[in-house]
Amino acid sequence: MASYVQNTLIKDEKIIYEGKTSIWSLIPLFVVGLIFLPFLGLGLLFWIAAVIRYATTELAFTNKRVIAKF
């Protein structure tokens, strides 16, 4: 299965760089999740949200444009 970036390329467009979300930007979600973990597992929802955000974000620079999918 091709990624979103691969599927949206136009004619003669080449990917120069593909990036991912930094783990450091997700630290607040992990910390809040750790704080709320004792409260009926509410912290797991924050951790799941961080993992989903990391897994589904795609960033790319091409020779014609910048592509970002969140």
PDB file of N, CA and C in Angstrom:
ATOM      1  N   MET A   1       0.843  -1.174   0.000  1.00  0.00           N
ATOM      2  CA  MET A   1       0.000   0.000   0.000  1.00  0.00           C
ATOM      3  C   MET A   1       0.895   1.247   0.000  1.00  0.00           C
ATOM      4  N   ALA A   2       0.676   2.111  -0.936  1.00  0.00           N
ATOM      5  CA  ALA A   2       1.478   3.322  -1.059  1.00  0.00           C
ATOM      6  C   ALA A   2       1.008   4.379  -0.063  1.00  0.00           C
ATOM      7  N   SER A   3       1.920   5.246   0.311  1.00  0.00           N
ATOM      8  CA  SER A   3       1.584   6.301   1.256  1.00  0.00           C
ATOM      9  C   SER A   3       0.801   7.414   0.565  1.00  0.00           C
ATOM     10  N   TYR A   4       0.247   8.290   1.377  1.00  0.00           N
ATOM     11  CA  TYR A   4      -0.498   9.433   0.857  1.00  0.00           C
ATOM     12  C   TYR A   4       0.384  10.276  -0.059  1.00  0.00           C
ATOM     13  N   VAL A   5       1.613  10.486   0.355  1.00  0.00           N
ATOM     14  CA  VAL A   5       2.540  11.304  -0.435  1.00  0.00           C
ATOM     15  C   VAL A   5       2.766  10.670  -1.799  1.00  0.00           C
ATOM     16  N   GLN A   6       3.002   9.369  -1.833  1.00  0.00           N
ATOM     17  CA  GLN A   6       3.213   8.674  -3.107  1.00  0.00           C
ATOM     18  C   GLN A   6       1.984   8.782  -4.004  1.00  0.00           C
ATOM     19  N   ASN A   7       0.797   8.717  -3.409  1.00  0.00           N
ATOM     20  CA  ASN A   7      -0.440   8.761  -4.200  1.00  0.00           C
ATOM     21  C   ASN A   7      -0.759  10.151  -4.745  1.00  0.00           C
ATOM     22  N   THR A   8      -0.214  11.205  -4.159  1.00  0.00           N
ATOM     23  CA  THR A   8      -0.558  12.560  -4.590  1.00  0.00           C
ATOM     24  C   THR A   8       0.481  13.208  -5.494  1.00  0.00           C
ATOM     25  N   LEU A   9       1.521  12.479  -5.845  1.00  0.00           N
ATOM     26  CA  LEU A   9       2.533  13.053  -6.729  1.00  0.00           C
ATOM     27  C   LEU A   9       1.943  13.321  -8.108  1.00  0.00           C
ATOM     28  N   ILE A  10       2.329  14.458  -8.671  1.00  0.00           N
ATOM     29  CA  ILE A  10       1.870  14.798 -10.015  1.00  0.00           C
ATOM     30  C   ILE A  10       2.981  14.448 -11.014  1.00  0.00           C
ATOM     31  N   LYS A  11       2.692  14.639 -12.272  1.00  0.00           N
ATOM     32  CA  LYS A  11       3.645  14.282 -13.327  1.00  0.00           C
ATOM     33  C   LYS A  11       4.973  15.000 -13.131  1.00  0.00           C
ATOM     34  N   ASP A  12       6.059  14.269 -13.277  1.00  0.00           N
ATOM     35  CA  ASP A  12       7.431  14.785 -13.174  1.00  0.00           C
ATOM     36  C   ASP A  12       7.783  15.325 -11.787  1.00  0.00           C
ATOM     37  N   GLU A  13       7.056  14.930 -10.780  1.00  0.00           N
ATOM     38  CA  GLU A  13       7.352  15.382  -9.426  1.00  0.00           C
ATOM     39  C   GLU A  13       8.153  14.292  -8.708  1.00  0.00           C
ATOM     40  N   LYS A  14       9.220  14.712  -8.038  1.00  0.00           N
ATOM     41  CA  LYS A  14      10.083  13.775  -7.336  1.00  0.00           C
ATOM     42  C   LYS A  14      10.195  14.175  -5.864  1.00  0.00           C
ATOM     43  N   ILE A  15      10.193  13.199  -5.001  1.00  0.00           N
ATOM     44  CA  ILE A  15      10.342  13.455  -3.573  1.00  0.00           C
ATOM     45  C   ILE A  15      11.803  13.756  -3.276  1.00  0.00           C
ATOM     46  N   ILE A  16      12.033  14.881  -2.610  1.00  0.00           N
ATOM     47  CA  ILE A  16      13.379  15.259  -2.202  1.00  0.00           C
ATOM     48  C   ILE A  16      13.645  14.780  -0.778  1.00  0.00           C
ATOM     49  N   TYR A  17      12.663  14.938   0.088  1.00  0.00           N
ATOM     50  CA  TYR A  17      12.830  14.545   1.487  1.00  0.00           C
ATOM     51  C   TYR A  17      11.478  14.165   2.070  1.00  0.00           C
ATOM     52  N   GLU A  18      11.439  13.070   2.827  1.00  0.00           N
ATOM     53  CA  GLU A  18      10.247  12.683   3.581  1.00  0.00           C
ATOM     54  C   GLU A  18      10.586  12.733   5.058  1.00  0.00           C
ATOM     55  N   GLY A  19       9.682  13.317   5.844  1.00  0.00           N
ATOM     56  CA  GLY A  19       9.923  13.452   7.274  1.00  0.00           C
ATOM     57  C   GLY A  19       8.805  12.862   8.102  1.00  0.00           C
ATOM     58  N   LYS A  20       9.055  12.749   9.385  1.00  0.00           N
ATOM     59  CA  LYS A  20       8.073  12.274  10.345  1.00  0.00           C
ATOM     60  C   LYS A  20       7.958  13.305  11.460  1.00  0.00           C
ATOM     61  N   THR A  21       6.894  13.201  12.232  1.00  0.00           N
ATOM     62  CA  THR A  21       6.721  14.048  13.399  1.00  0.00           C
ATOM     63  C   THR A  21       7.785  13.693  14.429  1.00  0.00           C
ATOM     64  N   SER A  22       8.328  14.698  15.064  1.00  0.00           N
ATOM     65  CA  SER A  22       9.330  14.460  16.090  1.00  0.00           C
ATOM     66  C   SER A  22       8.679  13.870  17.340  1.00  0.00           C
ATOM     67  N   ILE A  23       9.354  12.904  17.928  1.00  0.00           N
ATOM     68  CA  ILE A  23       8.869  12.313  19.179  1.00  0.00           C
ATOM     69  C   ILE A  23       8.814  13.387  20.269  1.00  0.00           C
ATOM     70  N   TRP A  24       9.735  14.333  20.214  1.00  0.00           N
ATOM     71  CA  TRP A  24       9.774  15.391  21.229  1.00  0.00           C
ATOM     72  C   TRP A  24       8.506  16.226  21.226  1.00  0.00           C
ATOM     73  N   SER A  25       7.863  16.395  20.095  1.00  0.00           N
ATOM     74  CA  SER A  25       6.628  17.178  20.053  1.00  0.00           C
ATOM     75  C   SER A  25       5.456  16.431  20.685  1.00  0.00           C
ATOM     76  N   LEU A  26       5.616  15.129  20.898  1.00  0.00           N
ATOM     77  CA  LEU A  26       4.559  14.320  21.502  1.00  0.00           C
ATOM     78  C   LEU A  26       4.764  14.104  22.995  1.00  0.00           C
ATOM     79  N   ILE A  27       5.850  14.605  23.551  1.00  0.00           N
ATOM     80  CA  ILE A  27       6.148  14.434  24.973  1.00  0.00           C
ATOM     81  C   ILE A  27       5.003  14.937  25.867  1.00  0.00           C
ATOM     82  N   PRO A  28       4.377  16.097  25.589  1.00  0.00           N
ATOM     83  CA  PRO A  28       3.272  16.518  26.460  1.00  0.00           C
ATOM     84  C   PRO A  28       2.138  15.482  26.547  1.00  0.00           C
ATOM     85  N   LEU A  29       1.807  14.833  25.443  1.00  0.00           N
ATOM     86  CA  LEU A  29       0.764  13.813  25.488  1.00  0.00           C
ATOM     87  C   LEU A  29       1.193  12.619  26.339  1.00  0.00           C
ATOM     88  N   PHE A  30       2.447  12.229  26.236  1.00  0.00           N
ATOM     89  CA  PHE A  30       2.936  11.110  27.043  1.00  0.00           C
ATOM     90  C   PHE A  30       2.961  11.466  28.532  1.00  0.00           C
ATOM     91  N   VAL A  31       3.349  12.695  28.862  1.00  0.00           N
ATOM     92  CA  VAL A  31       3.401  13.118  30.265  1.00  0.00           C
ATOM     93  C   VAL A  31       1.993  13.195  30.852  1.00  0.00           C
ATOM     94  N   VAL A  32       1.070  13.804  30.135  1.00  0.00           N
ATOM     95  CA  VAL A  32      -0.319  13.871  30.616  1.00  0.00           C
ATOM     96  C   VAL A  32      -0.892  12.467  30.751  1.00  0.00           C
ATOM     97  N   GLY A  33      -0.552  11.593  29.823  1.00  0.00           N
ATOM     98  CA  GLY A  33      -0.993  10.205  29.911  1.00  0.00           C
ATOM     99  C   GLY A  33      -0.450   9.519  31.148  1.00  0.00           C
ATOM    100  N   LEU A  34       0.802   9.806  31.491  1.00  0.00           N
ATOM    101  CA  LEU A  34       1.401   9.226  32.689  1.00  0.00           C
ATOM    102  C   LEU A  34       0.703   9.735  33.951  1.00  0.00           C
ATOM    103  N   ILE A  35       0.347  11.012  33.953  1.00  0.00           N
ATOM    104  CA  ILE A  35      -0.331  11.605  35.105  1.00  0.00           C
ATOM    105  C   ILE A  35      -1.723  10.999  35.283  1.00  0.00           C
ATOM    106  N   PHE A  36      -2.458  10.810  34.188  1.00  0.00           N
ATOM    107  CA  PHE A  36      -3.828  10.315  34.268  1.00  0.00           C
ATOM    108  C   PHE A  36      -3.952   8.789  34.216  1.00  0.00           C
ATOM    109  N   LEU A  37      -2.843   8.091  34.158  1.00  0.00           N
ATOM    110  CA  LEU A  37      -2.883   6.632  34.083  1.00  0.00           C
ATOM    111  C   LEU A  37      -3.614   5.984  35.267  1.00  0.00           C
ATOM    112  N   PRO A  38      -3.427   6.461  36.495  1.00  0.00           N
ATOM    113  CA  PRO A  38      -4.144   5.834  37.612  1.00  0.00           C
ATOM    114  C   PRO A  38      -5.662   6.046  37.589  1.00  0.00           C
ATOM    115  N   PHE A  39      -6.139   7.014  36.848  1.00  0.00           N
ATOM    116  CA  PHE A  39      -7.570   7.325  36.806  1.00  0.00           C
ATOM    117  C   PHE A  39      -8.271   6.504  35.730  1.00  0.00           C
ATOM    118  N   LEU A  40      -8.586   5.263  36.083  1.00  0.00           N
ATOM    119  CA  LEU A  40      -9.334   4.356  35.209  1.00  0.00           C
ATOM    120  C   LEU A  40      -8.674   4.172  33.843  1.00  0.00           C
ATOM    121  N   GLY A  41      -7.366   4.278  33.796  1.00  0.00           N
ATOM    122  CA  GLY A  41      -6.658   4.076  32.535  1.00  0.00           C
ATOM    123  C   GLY A  41      -6.848   5.206  31.544  1.00  0.00           C
ATOM    124  N   LEU A  42      -7.306   6.352  32.010  1.00  0.00           N
ATOM    125  CA  LEU A  42      -7.523   7.498  31.115  1.00  0.00           C
ATOM    126  C   LEU A  42      -6.234   7.898  30.402  1.00  0.00           C
ATOM    127  N   GLY A  43      -5.119   7.673  31.056  1.00  0.00           N
ATOM    128  CA  GLY A  43      -3.834   8.006  30.451  1.00  0.00           C
ATOM    129  C   GLY A  43      -3.552   7.230  29.183  1.00  0.00           C
ATOM    130  N   LEU A  44      -4.102   6.011  29.096  1.00  0.00           N
ATOM    131  CA  LEU A  44      -3.905   5.219  27.875  1.00  0.00           C
ATOM    132  C   LEU A  44      -4.485   5.919  26.652  1.00  0.00           C
ATOM    133  N   LEU A  45      -5.563   6.663  26.830  1.00  0.00           N
ATOM    134  CA  LEU A  45      -6.153   7.402  25.703  1.00  0.00           C
ATOM    135  C   LEU A  45      -5.181   8.460  25.178  1.00  0.00           C
ATOM    136  N   PHE A  46      -4.474   9.109  26.078  1.00  0.00           N
ATOM    137  CA  PHE A  46      -3.487  10.103  25.649  1.00  0.00           C
ATOM    138  C   PHE A  46      -2.330   9.434  24.917  1.00  0.00           C
ATOM    139  N   TRP A  47      -1.899   8.276  25.415  1.00  0.00           N
ATOM    140  CA  TRP A  47      -0.814   7.554  24.758  1.00  0.00           C
ATOM    141  C   TRP A  47      -1.242   7.057  23.383  1.00  0.00           C
ATOM    142  N   ILE A  48      -2.470   6.576  23.280  1.00  0.00           N
ATOM    143  CA  ILE A  48      -2.982   6.106  21.986  1.00  0.00           C
ATOM    144  C   ILE A  48      -3.075   7.273  21.006  1.00  0.00           C
ATOM    145  N   ALA A  49      -3.515   8.434  21.501  1.00  0.00           N
ATOM    146  CA  ALA A  49      -3.600   9.624  20.641  1.00  0.00           C
ATOM    147  C   ALA A  49      -2.222  10.014  20.121  1.00  0.00           C
ATOM    148  N   ALA A  50      -1.205   9.927  20.959  1.00  0.00           N
ATOM    149  CA  ALA A  50       0.163  10.262  20.538  1.00  0.00           C
ATOM    150  C   ALA A  50       0.660   9.287  19.474  1.00  0.00           C
ATOM    151  N   VAL A  51       0.388   8.005  19.665  1.00  0.00           N
ATOM    152  CA  VAL A  51       0.832   6.997  18.699  1.00  0.00           C
ATOM    153  C   VAL A  51       0.114   7.181  17.365  1.00  0.00           C
ATOM    154  N   ILE A  52      -1.183   7.454  17.410  1.00  0.00           N
ATOM    155  CA  ILE A  52      -1.941   7.676  16.174  1.00  0.00           C
ATOM    156  C   ILE A  52      -1.427   8.914  15.453  1.00  0.00           C
ATOM    157  N   ARG A  53      -1.176   9.983  16.197  1.00  0.00           N
ATOM    158  CA  ARG A  53      -0.661  11.210  15.577  1.00  0.00           C
ATOM    159  C   ARG A  53       0.688  10.954  14.915  1.00  0.00           C
ATOM    160  N   TYR A  54       1.545  10.194  15.576  1.00  0.00           N
ATOM    161  CA  TYR A  54       2.868   9.887  15.015  1.00  0.00           C
ATOM    162  C   TYR A  54       2.760   9.013  13.763  1.00  0.00           C
ATOM    163  N   ALA A  55       1.887   8.018  13.818  1.00  0.00           N
ATOM    164  CA  ALA A  55       1.790   7.046  12.725  1.00  0.00           C
ATOM    165  C   ALA A  55       1.092   7.605  11.489  1.00  0.00           C
ATOM    166  N   THR A  56       0.202   8.562  11.662  1.00  0.00           N
ATOM    167  CA  THR A  56      -0.599   9.014  10.522  1.00  0.00           C
ATOM    168  C   THR A  56      -0.140  10.339   9.914  1.00  0.00           C
ATOM    169  N   THR A  57       0.857  10.972  10.489  1.00  0.00           N
ATOM    170  CA  THR A  57       1.354  12.233   9.933  1.00  0.00           C
ATOM    171  C   THR A  57       2.412  11.946   8.874  1.00  0.00           C
ATOM    172  N   GLU A  58       2.236  12.544   7.707  1.00  0.00           N
ATOM    173  CA  GLU A  58       3.208  12.396   6.622  1.00  0.00           C
ATOM    174  C   GLU A  58       3.629  13.778   6.133  1.00  0.00           C
ATOM    175  N   LEU A  59       4.920  13.964   5.999  1.00  0.00           N
ATOM    176  CA  LEU A  59       5.482  15.226   5.539  1.00  0.00           C
ATOM    177  C   LEU A  59       6.470  14.940   4.418  1.00  0.00           C
ATOM    178  N   ALA A  60       6.460  15.774   3.387  1.00  0.00           N
ATOM    179  CA  ALA A  60       7.392  15.567   2.281  1.00  0.00           C
ATOM    180  C   ALA A  60       7.666  16.874   1.547  1.00  0.00           C
ATOM    181  N   PHE A  61       8.910  17.005   1.106  1.00  0.00           N
ATOM    182  CA  PHE A  61       9.308  18.082   0.204  1.00  0.00           C
ATOM    183  C   PHE A  61       9.530  17.442  -1.151  1.00  0.00           C
ATOM    184  N   THR A  62       8.949  18.036  -2.174  1.00  0.00           N
ATOM    185  CA  THR A  62       9.190  17.567  -3.530  1.00  0.00           C
ATOM    186  C   THR A  62       9.851  18.688  -4.309  1.00  0.00           C
ATOM    187  N   ASN A  63      10.163  18.408  -5.561  1.00  0.00           N
ATOM    188  CA  ASN A  63      10.771  19.454  -6.381  1.00  0.00           C
ATOM    189  C   ASN A  63       9.756  20.512  -6.813  1.00  0.00           C
ATOM    190  N   LYS A  64       8.466  20.317  -6.488  1.00  0.00           N
ATOM    191  CA  LYS A  64       7.444  21.279  -6.897  1.00  0.00           C
ATOM    192  C   LYS A  64       6.616  21.844  -5.752  1.00  0.00           C
ATOM    193  N   ARG A  65       6.564  21.149  -4.600  1.00  0.00           N
ATOM    194  CA  ARG A  65       5.695  21.607  -3.510  1.00  0.00           C
ATOM    195  C   ARG A  65       6.061  20.924  -2.192  1.00  0.00           C
ATOM    196  N   VAL A  66       5.346  21.352  -1.157  1.00  0.00           N
ATOM    197  CA  VAL A  66       5.455  20.728   0.149  1.00  0.00           C
ATOM    198  C   VAL A  66       4.139  20.019   0.423  1.00  0.00           C
ATOM    199  N   ILE A  67       4.214  18.767   0.863  1.00  0.00           N
ATOM    200  CA  ILE A  67       3.008  17.980   1.127  1.00  0.00           C
ATOM    201  C   ILE A  67       2.985  17.635   2.611  1.00  0.00           C
ATOM    202  N   ALA A  68       1.852  17.904   3.258  1.00  0.00           N
ATOM    203  CA  ALA A  68       1.681  17.564   4.675  1.00  0.00           C
ATOM    204  C   ALA A  68       0.298  16.978   4.876  1.00  0.00           C
ATOM    205  N   LYS A  69       0.260  15.817   5.517  1.00  0.00           N
ATOM    206  CA  LYS A  69      -1.023  15.189   5.851  1.00  0.00           C
ATOM    207  C   LYS A  69      -1.003  14.886   7.340  1.00  0.00           C
ATOM    208  N   PHE A  70      -2.038  15.378   8.032  1.00  0.00           N
ATOM    209  CA  PHE A  70      -2.129  15.171   9.477  1.00  0.00           C
ATOM    210  C   PHE A  70      -3.316  14.296   9.792  1.00  0.00           C
TER     211      PHE A  70
END
